Amino acid sequence: MAETPEPAPSLYAAREPIFPRRVSGPFRNLKWVLLTLMLAIYYVTPWIRWDRGPELPDQAVLLDLAGRRFFFFWIEIWPHEFYFVAGLLVMAGLGLFLFTSALGRVWCGYACPQTVWTDLFILVERWIEGDRNARLRLHRQKAWDLRKARLRLTKWVAWFLIALATGGAWVFYFTDAPTLAVDLVTGNAHPVAYTTMLILTATTFAFGGFAREQICIYACPWPRIQAAMMDEDTLTVGYREWRGEPRGKHRKAGGAEKLGDCIDCRACVNVCPVGIDIRDGQQLACITCALCIDACDDVMAKIGKPRGLIDYLALSDETRERAGHEPRSVWKHIFRPRVMLYTGLWSLVGVGLVFALFIRPEIEMTVAPVRNPTFVVLSDGSIRNTYDVRLLNKHGEDRPFRMTLTGDDRLRVQLEGSPYETVTVPANETYLQRVYVIAPRGSDPARDERTPFRFWVEDLTNGDRAHKDTIFNGTEN
């Protein structure tokens, strides 16, 4: 009888949760400052008030999807000005290239939303369950007693409230925050608002609470892209293996003089939020948060060794230090051709956007000649052309606009539906006005096939003007 073959061993291991130990130091303090600042900006910005006139919410930062506009304090971006948004996206991309080329994955370690909210969730977890060892014991405790259930439930409720505030803050950017807050509480908000909050709450709760480093390692494409942005002069977190090896714990034992500075305390591993050992070299999972630097420097200070066993360093410094030379200064690593090129391109795009922002007109117009028919001969023999003129009023109040033209004194303007040259354009709207241009019988414009002229529109409230060039079509000689 044939024996039943044994099942093949699994090549996959279940994920072991990571419980970083608390650490203090300059890089950890910098991360706390940036975390507080970025969270404050995200949560507080929708509540900053700014006068938008009677037709819009008095909100400093507003994404008006219905009106297809974006408001940022005194700046207003209209749909036809999408090049500003495109420019900002280009600047964001160049900024990532710039910082990665100079300092590796510094964005991932300090400013990425996944990092920021994960740091916040870990902080809450530490407050409730204790530091690394206490959380490890709780995780390895198989039986669920009352204490474990209470701690876990408290932690999850705190995570959920943070996630709910995150989703709630996001929807406030799209409408008046105080009004929406009341509607959300009373159940009168639009279903889209509740759906958006639900999705963001669920993703924040899952990503920051449970997925954590898996998002950085498996879901995020940036670790794969960053390799093309870095070179041997890029500063990134690394281990001075030539100084630390061979490792040893007993510094006073025989042969201690042959050991390196690393005492194999694993402090750098225990504080790492992605659970790697930086002493194994550069790894895809490393987000260069520099917490291992703080932990190692603290240990070096306690055993009387110089700091910097783990530090921001470049691959090009390894050869120099192994030969006994001093590493190049930080500024020489940062100010090199590649970084300067990215800086120049980033600055050029930024200056271009600022220049375009300041020279754009307050009123705009477009002119579209009606081609069917090209011209009309009136009963008195005069020639009439028809134009569809779109007037854009960017102000928060109705404005009177006057239509005139220049180029030939014999041409005159007539507005459809009005005996006057003035039309009132509603606040924050594009207004379509049909305009007739008439040339007297026998005049040059009436006889010439094409006569160029210029439409002018003037805001009678403040005197702003805009113009467009077009053609008057007459009869052929």
Protein backbone atom coordinates (compact mmCIF):
# COMPACT_ATOMS: atom_id res chain seq x y z
CA MET A 1 0.00 0.00 0.00
CA ALA A 2 1.47 3.32 -1.07
CA GLU A 3 2.31 5.75 1.67
CA THR A 4 0.52 9.10 1.69
CA PRO A 5 3.08 11.79 0.87
CA GLU A 6 3.62 14.42 3.48
CA PRO A 7 2.38 17.89 2.55
CA ALA A 8 5.06 20.26 1.34
CA PRO A 9 6.15 22.79 3.94
CA SER A 10 4.76 26.28 3.51
CA LEU A 11 7.13 28.86 2.11
CA TYR A 12 5.22 31.70 3.74
CA ALA A 13 5.28 32.85 7.32
CA ALA A 14 2.56 34.75 9.11
CA ARG A 15 3.30 38.40 9.73
CA GLU A 16 4.68 39.14 13.16
CA PRO A 17 3.45 42.54 14.40
CA ILE A 18 6.13 45.13 15.11
CA PHE A 19 6.14 46.94 18.45
CA PRO A 20 8.73 49.76 18.31
CA ARG A 21 10.33 50.78 21.59
CA ARG A 22 10.12 54.38 22.77
CA VAL A 23 13.21 56.43 21.95
CA SER A 24 14.25 60.04 22.47
CA GLY A 25 16.72 62.16 20.61
CA PRO A 26 16.99 64.97 18.04
CA PHE A 27 15.50 62.99 15.13
CA ARG A 28 12.60 61.71 17.24
CA ASN A 29 11.96 65.27 18.45
CA LEU A 30 12.03 66.52 14.86
CA LYS A 31 9.47 63.89 13.91
CA TRP A 32 7.21 64.97 16.80
CA VAL A 33 7.41 68.61 15.70
CA LEU A 34 6.61 67.78 12.08
CA LEU A 35 3.82 65.38 13.09
CA THR A 36 2.17 68.01 15.29
CA LEU A 37 2.53 70.70 12.63
CA MET A 38 1.16 68.60 9.76
CA LEU A 39 -1.76 67.22 11.75
CA ALA A 40 -2.63 70.72 12.96
CA ILE A 41 -2.60 72.02 9.39
CA TYR A 42 -4.78 69.15 8.17
CA TYR A 43 -7.38 69.33 10.94
CA VAL A 44 -7.52 73.12 11.46
CA THR A 45 -7.33 74.47 7.88
CA PRO A 46 -11.02 73.87 6.95
CA TRP A 47 -12.09 75.96 9.94
CA ILE A 48 -10.11 79.08 8.96
CA ARG A 49 -12.58 81.74 7.84
CA TRP A 50 -12.17 83.96 4.77
CA ASP A 51 -14.69 86.34 3.22
CA ARG A 52 -15.93 84.84 -0.06
CA GLY A 53 -18.96 87.06 -0.58
CA PRO A 54 -22.65 86.17 -0.25
CA GLU A 55 -22.65 83.29 -2.74
CA LEU A 56 -19.87 81.09 -1.28
CA PRO A 57 -18.89 79.72 2.15
CA ASP A 58 -16.51 81.97 4.08
CA GLN A 59 -13.74 79.38 4.04
CA ALA A 60 -10.04 80.02 3.44
CA VAL A 61 -9.37 76.70 1.67
CA LEU A 62 -12.27 75.34 -0.35
CA LEU A 63 -12.64 72.80 -3.15
CA ASP A 64 -15.85 73.95 -4.83
CA LEU A 65 -16.73 70.95 -6.98
CA ALA A 66 -20.11 72.37 -8.02
CA GLY A 67 -18.47 75.55 -9.32
CA ARG A 68 -15.33 73.65 -10.42
CA ARG A 69 -13.05 76.05 -8.56
CA PHE A 70 -10.35 75.89 -5.92
CA PHE A 71 -9.93 78.62 -3.31
CA PHE A 72 -6.75 79.02 -1.26
CA PHE A 73 -6.94 82.16 0.88
CA TRP A 74 -6.68 85.03 -1.65
CA ILE A 75 -5.98 82.72 -4.61
CA GLU A 76 -8.82 81.44 -6.77
CA ILE A 77 -8.25 78.80 -9.46
CA TRP A 78 -10.87 78.42 -12.21
CA PRO A 79 -11.35 75.36 -14.46
CA HIS A 80 -9.55 76.94 -17.43
CA GLU A 81 -6.58 77.64 -15.12
CA PHE A 82 -5.86 73.98 -14.47
CA TYR A 83 -2.28 74.61 -15.49
CA PHE A 84 -1.75 75.90 -11.93
CA VAL A 85 -2.75 72.49 -10.55
CA ALA A 86 -0.57 70.76 -13.14
CA GLY A 87 2.33 73.01 -12.15
CA LEU A 88 1.88 72.17 -8.47
CA LEU A 89 1.90 68.45 -9.30
CA VAL A 90 5.10 68.91 -11.30
CA MET A 91 6.63 70.76 -8.34
CA ALA A 92 5.58 67.95 -6.01
CA GLY A 93 7.23 65.37 -8.26
CA LEU A 94 10.42 67.40 -8.61
CA GLY A 95 10.41 67.98 -4.86
CA LEU A 96 10.35 64.23 -4.25
CA PHE A 97 13.22 63.77 -6.71
CA LEU A 98 15.15 66.60 -5.04
CA PHE A 99 14.81 65.36 -1.46
CA THR A 100 15.40 61.73 -2.43
CA SER A 101 18.55 62.61 -4.35
CA ALA A 102 19.90 64.60 -1.39
CA LEU A 103 18.63 62.68 1.65
CA GLY A 104 17.16 59.39 0.48
CA ARG A 105 13.64 58.50 1.62
CA VAL A 106 13.39 61.50 3.92
CA TRP A 107 9.81 62.12 2.70
CA CYS A 108 8.83 58.60 3.77
CA GLY A 109 10.45 58.95 7.18
CA TYR A 110 9.08 62.35 8.16
CA ALA A 111 6.18 63.63 6.04
CA CYS A 112 4.37 60.75 4.32
CA PRO A 113 0.74 60.52 5.58
CA GLN A 114 1.20 56.79 6.20
CA THR A 115 4.18 57.56 8.46
CA VAL A 116 2.46 60.44 10.24
CA TRP A 117 -0.72 58.52 11.11
CA THR A 118 1.20 55.34 11.95
CA ASP A 119 3.33 57.36 14.39
CA LEU A 120 0.16 58.76 15.93
CA PHE A 121 -1.42 55.29 16.23
CA ILE A 122 1.75 53.86 17.81
CA LEU A 123 1.80 56.75 20.29
CA VAL A 124 -1.79 55.99 21.32
CA GLU A 125 -0.97 52.28 21.53
CA ARG A 126 2.00 53.03 23.81
CA TRP A 127 -0.12 55.26 26.06
CA ILE A 128 -2.74 52.53 26.51
CA GLU A 129 -0.78 49.26 26.47
CA GLY A 130 2.68 50.36 27.55
CA ASP A 131 6.10 50.32 25.89
CA ARG A 132 7.53 47.59 23.67
CA ASN A 133 7.95 44.83 26.27
CA ALA A 134 4.47 45.31 27.72
CA ARG A 135 2.90 45.25 24.26
CA LEU A 136 4.87 42.12 23.33
CA ARG A 137 3.67 40.31 26.46
CA LEU A 138 0.09 41.32 25.73
CA HIS A 139 0.39 40.15 22.11
CA ARG A 140 1.86 36.77 23.11
CA GLN A 141 -0.77 36.20 25.76
CA LYS A 142 -3.01 33.57 24.21
CA ALA A 143 -5.90 33.75 26.67
CA TRP A 144 -8.17 36.79 26.48
CA ASP A 145 -8.80 37.93 30.03
CA LEU A 146 -10.66 41.05 31.12
CA ARG A 147 -7.50 43.19 31.14
CA LYS A 148 -6.47 42.28 27.60
CA ALA A 149 -9.98 42.84 26.28
CA ARG A 150 -10.18 46.22 28.03
CA LEU A 151 -6.81 47.40 26.69
CA ARG A 152 -7.49 46.24 23.14
CA LEU A 153 -11.00 47.70 23.06
CA THR A 154 -9.74 51.02 24.43
CA LYS A 155 -6.97 51.13 21.82
CA TRP A 156 -9.28 50.30 18.94
CA VAL A 157 -11.82 52.90 20.02
CA ALA A 158 -9.05 55.54 20.16
CA TRP A 159 -7.84 54.49 16.70
CA PHE A 160 -11.37 54.65 15.36
CA LEU A 161 -11.90 58.18 16.71
CA ILE A 162 -8.64 59.34 15.10
CA ALA A 163 -9.65 57.70 11.82
CA LEU A 164 -13.12 59.24 12.02
CA ALA A 165 -11.61 62.69 12.61
CA THR A 166 -9.35 62.11 9.61
CA GLY A 167 -12.23 61.29 7.29
CA GLY A 168 -14.32 64.10 8.75
CA ALA A 169 -11.59 66.68 8.24
CA TRP A 170 -11.26 65.70 4.59
CA VAL A 171 -14.92 66.27 3.69
CA PHE A 172 -14.81 69.69 5.36
CA TYR A 173 -12.54 70.92 2.58
CA PHE A 174 -15.39 70.61 0.05
CA THR A 175 -18.07 72.74 1.70
CA ASP A 176 -18.66 75.06 4.63
CA ALA A 177 -17.13 73.22 7.61
CA PRO A 178 -19.42 74.50 10.42
CA THR A 179 -22.57 73.84 8.40
CA LEU A 180 -21.44 70.38 7.35
CA ALA A 181 -20.45 69.50 10.92
CA VAL A 182 -23.99 70.24 12.11
CA ASP A 183 -25.49 68.30 9.18
CA LEU A 184 -23.27 65.30 9.88
CA VAL A 185 -24.29 65.18 13.53
CA THR A 186 -28.00 65.68 12.83
CA GLY A 187 -28.06 63.19 9.94
CA ASN A 188 -28.88 65.80 7.28
CA ALA A 189 -25.63 65.64 5.32
CA HIS A 190 -25.50 64.32 1.76
CA PRO A 191 -24.90 60.55 1.46
CA VAL A 192 -21.67 61.28 -0.45
CA ALA A 193 -20.26 62.94 2.68
CA TYR A 194 -21.05 59.90 4.84
CA THR A 195 -19.68 57.51 2.21
CA THR A 196 -16.43 59.46 1.88
CA MET A 197 -16.01 59.59 5.65
CA LEU A 198 -16.68 55.85 5.91
CA ILE A 199 -14.07 54.97 3.30
CA LEU A 200 -11.39 57.26 4.76
CA THR A 201 -12.16 56.12 8.30
CA ALA A 202 -11.85 52.46 7.32
CA THR A 203 -8.61 52.92 5.36
CA THR A 204 -6.99 55.06 8.06
CA PHE A 205 -7.99 52.59 10.77
CA ALA A 206 -6.65 49.61 8.79
CA PHE A 207 -3.50 51.18 7.35
CA GLY A 208 -2.36 53.01 10.48
CA GLY A 209 -3.45 50.39 12.98
CA PHE A 210 -2.81 47.02 11.36
CA ALA A 211 -1.04 47.26 7.97
CA ARG A 212 1.59 49.83 8.97
CA GLU A 213 4.96 48.80 7.51
CA GLN A 214 3.26 46.53 4.96
CA ILE A 215 1.94 49.60 3.15
CA CYS A 216 5.48 50.95 2.88
CA ILE A 217 7.01 47.64 1.79
CA TYR A 218 4.37 46.13 -0.49
CA ALA A 219 1.78 48.75 -1.50
CA CYS A 220 3.86 51.90 -2.00
CA PRO A 221 5.72 52.16 -5.34
CA TRP A 222 8.18 54.79 -4.11
CA PRO A 223 10.79 52.37 -2.65
CA ARG A 224 11.19 50.92 -6.15
CA ILE A 225 11.39 54.31 -7.82
CA GLN A 226 13.81 55.88 -5.37
CA ALA A 227 16.74 53.78 -6.58
CA ALA A 228 16.83 55.80 -9.79
CA MET A 229 16.95 59.03 -7.77
CA MET A 230 19.88 58.05 -5.54
CA ASP A 231 23.61 57.74 -6.19
CA GLU A 232 26.76 57.12 -4.18
CA ASP A 233 26.68 60.67 -2.77
CA THR A 234 23.11 60.50 -1.46
CA LEU A 235 22.94 60.84 2.31
CA THR A 236 20.90 58.06 3.88
CA VAL A 237 20.83 56.17 7.16
CA GLY A 238 23.62 53.61 7.33
CA TYR A 239 25.77 51.54 9.69
CA ARG A 240 29.53 52.06 9.92
CA GLU A 241 30.35 48.37 9.72
CA TRP A 242 34.10 49.05 9.59
CA ARG A 243 33.84 50.66 13.02
CA GLY A 244 31.24 48.43 14.67
CA GLU A 245 32.43 44.94 13.70
CA PRO A 246 33.10 42.45 15.12
CA ARG A 247 30.27 42.87 17.59
CA GLY A 248 30.54 41.87 21.20
CA LYS A 249 28.70 42.37 24.47
CA HIS A 250 31.41 41.96 27.10
CA ARG A 251 33.65 44.96 26.65
CA LYS A 252 35.86 44.12 29.66
CA ALA A 253 36.43 40.45 28.84
CA GLY A 254 39.62 39.12 27.40
CA GLY A 255 40.10 40.11 23.76
CA ALA A 256 37.72 43.05 24.08
CA GLU A 257 40.26 45.27 22.30
CA LYS A 258 39.59 43.28 19.12
CA LEU A 259 35.87 44.00 19.15
CA GLY A 260 34.17 46.86 17.40
CA ASP A 261 32.01 49.55 18.94
CA CYS A 262 28.72 47.68 18.39
CA ILE A 263 27.75 45.79 21.55
CA ASP A 264 24.89 43.98 19.78
CA CYS A 265 22.28 45.48 22.10
CA ARG A 266 19.68 45.53 19.27
CA ALA A 267 18.48 48.96 20.33
CA CYS A 268 18.46 50.03 16.67
CA VAL A 269 16.22 47.07 15.77
CA ASN A 270 13.84 47.53 18.68
CA VAL A 271 13.02 51.15 17.79
CA CYS A 272 12.61 50.59 14.04
CA PRO A 273 8.97 51.06 12.94
CA VAL A 274 9.45 48.63 10.03
CA GLY A 275 11.37 46.04 12.05
CA ILE A 276 14.60 45.88 10.03
CA ASP A 277 18.21 45.63 11.22
CA ILE A 278 20.08 48.56 9.68
CA ARG A 279 23.34 46.72 10.35
CA ASP A 280 22.46 44.36 7.49
CA GLY A 281 22.95 47.22 5.01
CA GLN A 282 20.57 49.26 2.87
CA GLN A 283 17.14 47.66 2.51
CA LEU A 284 14.01 48.42 0.56
CA ALA A 285 11.94 48.60 3.75
CA CYS A 286 14.05 51.33 5.38
CA ILE A 287 12.19 54.66 5.44
CA THR A 288 15.22 56.60 6.82
CA CYS A 289 13.28 57.83 9.85
CA ALA A 290 16.63 57.95 11.75
CA LEU A 291 15.18 56.59 15.00
CA CYS A 292 17.93 53.98 14.98
CA ILE A 293 20.44 56.85 15.04
CA ASP A 294 18.89 58.24 18.23
CA ALA A 295 18.86 54.79 19.84
CA CYS A 296 22.46 53.99 18.90
CA ASP A 297 23.78 57.42 19.93
CA ASP A 298 22.17 56.95 23.33
CA VAL A 299 23.93 53.60 23.77
CA MET A 300 27.27 55.00 22.57
CA ALA A 301 27.01 57.80 25.13
CA LYS A 302 26.40 55.27 27.92
CA ILE A 303 29.45 53.14 27.06
CA GLY A 304 31.73 56.10 26.38
CA LYS A 305 32.05 55.71 22.61
CA PRO A 306 31.71 58.47 20.00
CA ARG A 307 28.31 58.88 18.35
CA GLY A 308 27.74 58.12 14.69
CA LEU A 309 28.02 54.34 14.59
CA ILE A 310 24.68 54.59 12.82
CA ASP A 311 24.31 57.90 11.04
CA TYR A 312 23.33 59.73 7.88
CA LEU A 313 26.16 58.88 5.50
CA ALA A 314 26.88 58.30 1.82
CA LEU A 315 28.38 55.29 0.09
CA SER A 316 31.22 57.44 -1.20
CA ASP A 317 32.26 58.12 2.42
CA GLU A 318 32.89 54.44 3.12
CA THR A 319 36.12 54.28 1.12
CA ARG A 320 37.37 57.50 2.67
CA GLU A 321 36.63 56.43 6.23
CA ARG A 322 38.07 52.95 5.78
CA ALA A 323 41.27 54.65 4.65
CA GLY A 324 41.27 56.77 7.78
CA HIS A 325 40.14 60.03 6.16
CA GLU A 326 37.38 62.35 7.31
CA PRO A 327 34.04 62.04 5.46
CA ARG A 328 32.97 64.82 3.16
CA SER A 329 30.83 67.52 4.74
CA VAL A 330 27.07 67.29 4.55
CA TRP A 331 26.91 70.40 2.36
CA LYS A 332 29.24 68.88 -0.23
CA HIS A 333 26.94 65.90 -0.49
CA ILE A 334 23.86 68.08 -0.83
CA PHE A 335 25.20 70.75 -3.18
CA ARG A 336 26.19 68.61 -6.13
CA PRO A 337 25.12 68.79 -9.82
CA ARG A 338 22.14 66.43 -9.65
CA VAL A 339 20.63 68.12 -6.60
CA MET A 340 21.27 71.57 -8.04
CA LEU A 341 19.59 70.53 -11.30
CA TYR A 342 16.46 69.37 -9.45
CA THR A 343 16.52 72.53 -7.35
CA GLY A 344 16.79 74.71 -10.46
CA LEU A 345 13.92 72.94 -12.22
CA TRP A 346 11.75 73.06 -9.09
CA SER A 347 12.45 76.77 -8.62
CA LEU A 348 11.83 77.52 -12.29
CA VAL A 349 8.38 75.94 -12.19
CA GLY A 350 7.58 77.75 -8.93
CA VAL A 351 8.66 81.15 -10.25
CA GLY A 352 6.66 80.55 -13.41
CA LEU A 353 3.50 79.77 -11.43
CA VAL A 354 3.92 82.84 -9.23
CA PHE A 355 4.50 85.03 -12.29
CA ALA A 356 1.42 83.59 -14.03
CA LEU A 357 -0.61 84.13 -10.86
CA PHE A 358 0.24 87.82 -10.65
CA ILE A 359 -0.24 88.66 -14.33
CA ARG A 360 -3.58 86.91 -14.84
CA PRO A 361 -6.50 89.31 -15.42
CA GLU A 362 -9.37 89.78 -13.00
CA ILE A 363 -11.88 89.57 -15.85
CA GLU A 364 -11.66 87.36 -18.90
CA MET A 365 -13.51 87.03 -22.16
CA THR A 366 -13.70 84.68 -25.13
CA VAL A 367 -15.11 85.61 -28.54
CA ALA A 368 -16.60 83.06 -30.96
CA PRO A 369 -17.87 84.38 -34.32
CA VAL A 370 -21.14 82.80 -35.46
CA ARG A 371 -20.32 81.17 -38.81
CA ASN A 372 -23.81 80.30 -40.03
CA PRO A 373 -24.36 82.72 -41.65
CA THR A 374 -21.01 84.50 -41.80
CA PHE A 375 -22.75 87.88 -42.23
CA VAL A 376 -26.25 89.27 -42.72
CA VAL A 377 -27.27 92.14 -45.03
CA LEU A 378 -29.86 94.30 -43.24
CA SER A 379 -32.73 96.17 -44.91
CA ASP A 380 -30.78 99.44 -44.99
CA GLY A 381 -27.84 97.77 -46.73
CA SER A 382 -25.58 97.59 -43.67
CA ILE A 383 -23.64 94.41 -42.89
CA ARG A 384 -24.02 92.63 -39.54
CA ASN A 385 -21.78 89.97 -37.97
CA THR A 386 -22.79 87.96 -34.89
CA TYR A 387 -20.48 86.93 -32.05
CA ASP A 388 -20.95 84.86 -28.90
CA VAL A 389 -18.96 86.56 -26.14
CA ARG A 390 -18.36 84.82 -22.82
CA LEU A 391 -17.58 87.14 -19.93
CA LEU A 392 -16.02 85.76 -16.74
CA ASN A 393 -16.62 87.70 -13.52
CA LYS A 394 -14.17 86.46 -10.85
CA HIS A 395 -15.53 88.72 -8.13
CA GLY A 396 -17.96 87.78 -5.37
CA GLU A 397 -20.54 90.35 -6.49
CA ASP A 398 -22.44 91.22 -9.67
CA ARG A 399 -20.45 93.58 -11.88
CA PRO A 400 -21.52 95.83 -14.82
CA PHE A 401 -19.33 95.21 -17.90
CA ARG A 402 -19.24 97.54 -20.90
CA MET A 403 -18.59 96.21 -24.40
CA THR A 404 -16.73 98.37 -26.95
CA LEU A 405 -14.48 97.80 -29.93
CA THR A 406 -11.52 99.42 -31.62
CA GLY A 407 -9.93 99.00 -35.04
CA ASP A 408 -12.38 100.84 -37.32
CA ASP A 409 -14.47 103.81 -36.25
CA ARG A 410 -17.32 102.87 -38.59
CA LEU A 411 -18.07 99.62 -36.76
CA ARG A 412 -20.58 99.78 -33.94
CA VAL A 413 -21.62 97.34 -31.19
CA GLN A 414 -25.15 96.24 -30.36
CA LEU A 415 -25.95 93.84 -27.51
CA GLU A 416 -28.77 91.38 -28.02
CA GLY A 417 -31.70 92.15 -25.74
CA SER A 418 -30.37 95.56 -24.64
CA PRO A 419 -30.20 99.04 -26.20
CA TYR A 420 -27.05 99.75 -24.15
CA GLU A 421 -23.43 98.66 -24.36
CA THR A 422 -23.47 97.44 -20.74
CA VAL A 423 -24.33 94.01 -19.39
CA THR A 424 -24.42 92.85 -15.76
CA VAL A 425 -22.44 89.67 -15.17
CA PRO A 426 -23.42 87.64 -12.06
CA ALA A 427 -20.87 87.02 -9.32
CA ASN A 428 -18.43 84.14 -9.82
CA GLU A 429 -20.00 83.12 -13.11
CA THR A 430 -19.35 82.96 -16.83
CA TYR A 431 -22.01 84.89 -18.74
CA LEU A 432 -22.83 84.30 -22.41
CA GLN A 433 -23.80 87.45 -24.32
CA ARG A 434 -24.65 87.56 -28.03
CA VAL A 435 -23.18 90.67 -29.62
CA TYR A 436 -23.82 92.19 -33.05
CA VAL A 437 -21.22 94.25 -34.89
CA ILE A 438 -22.63 96.39 -37.70
CA ALA A 439 -20.86 98.18 -40.57
CA PRO A 440 -22.75 100.94 -42.50
CA ARG A 441 -23.57 100.38 -46.14
CA GLY A 442 -20.76 101.34 -48.47
CA SER A 443 -18.11 101.55 -45.72
CA ASP A 444 -14.78 99.78 -46.10
CA PRO A 445 -15.61 97.08 -43.51
CA ALA A 446 -18.87 96.37 -45.32
CA ARG A 447 -17.07 95.96 -48.67
CA ASP A 448 -13.90 94.20 -47.45
CA GLU A 449 -13.98 90.46 -47.02
CA ARG A 450 -12.04 90.53 -43.70
CA THR A 451 -11.50 93.49 -41.40
CA PRO A 452 -9.59 92.94 -38.14
CA PHE A 453 -10.79 94.68 -34.97
CA ARG A 454 -10.56 94.27 -31.20
CA PHE A 455 -13.33 93.62 -28.70
CA TRP A 456 -12.91 95.37 -25.33
CA VAL A 457 -14.72 94.68 -22.08
CA GLU A 458 -14.40 97.04 -19.10
CA ASP A 459 -15.41 96.42 -15.50
CA LEU A 460 -17.19 99.68 -14.63
CA THR A 461 -16.67 99.04 -10.91
CA ASN A 462 -12.88 99.15 -10.83
CA GLY A 463 -11.82 99.91 -14.42
CA ASP A 464 -10.23 96.52 -15.19
CA ARG A 465 -10.18 95.74 -18.91
CA ALA A 466 -9.73 92.73 -21.16
CA HIS A 467 -9.68 92.35 -24.94
CA LYS A 468 -9.80 89.82 -27.76
CA ASP A 469 -8.92 90.24 -31.43
CA THR A 470 -11.25 88.92 -34.11
CA ILE A 471 -12.40 89.51 -37.72
CA PHE A 472 -15.39 91.31 -39.25
CA ASN A 473 -16.63 89.62 -42.44
CA GLY A 474 -17.98 91.86 -45.22
CA THR A 475 -19.10 91.33 -48.82
CA GLU A 476 -16.55 90.75 -51.53
CA ASN A 477 -15.81 93.60 -53.93
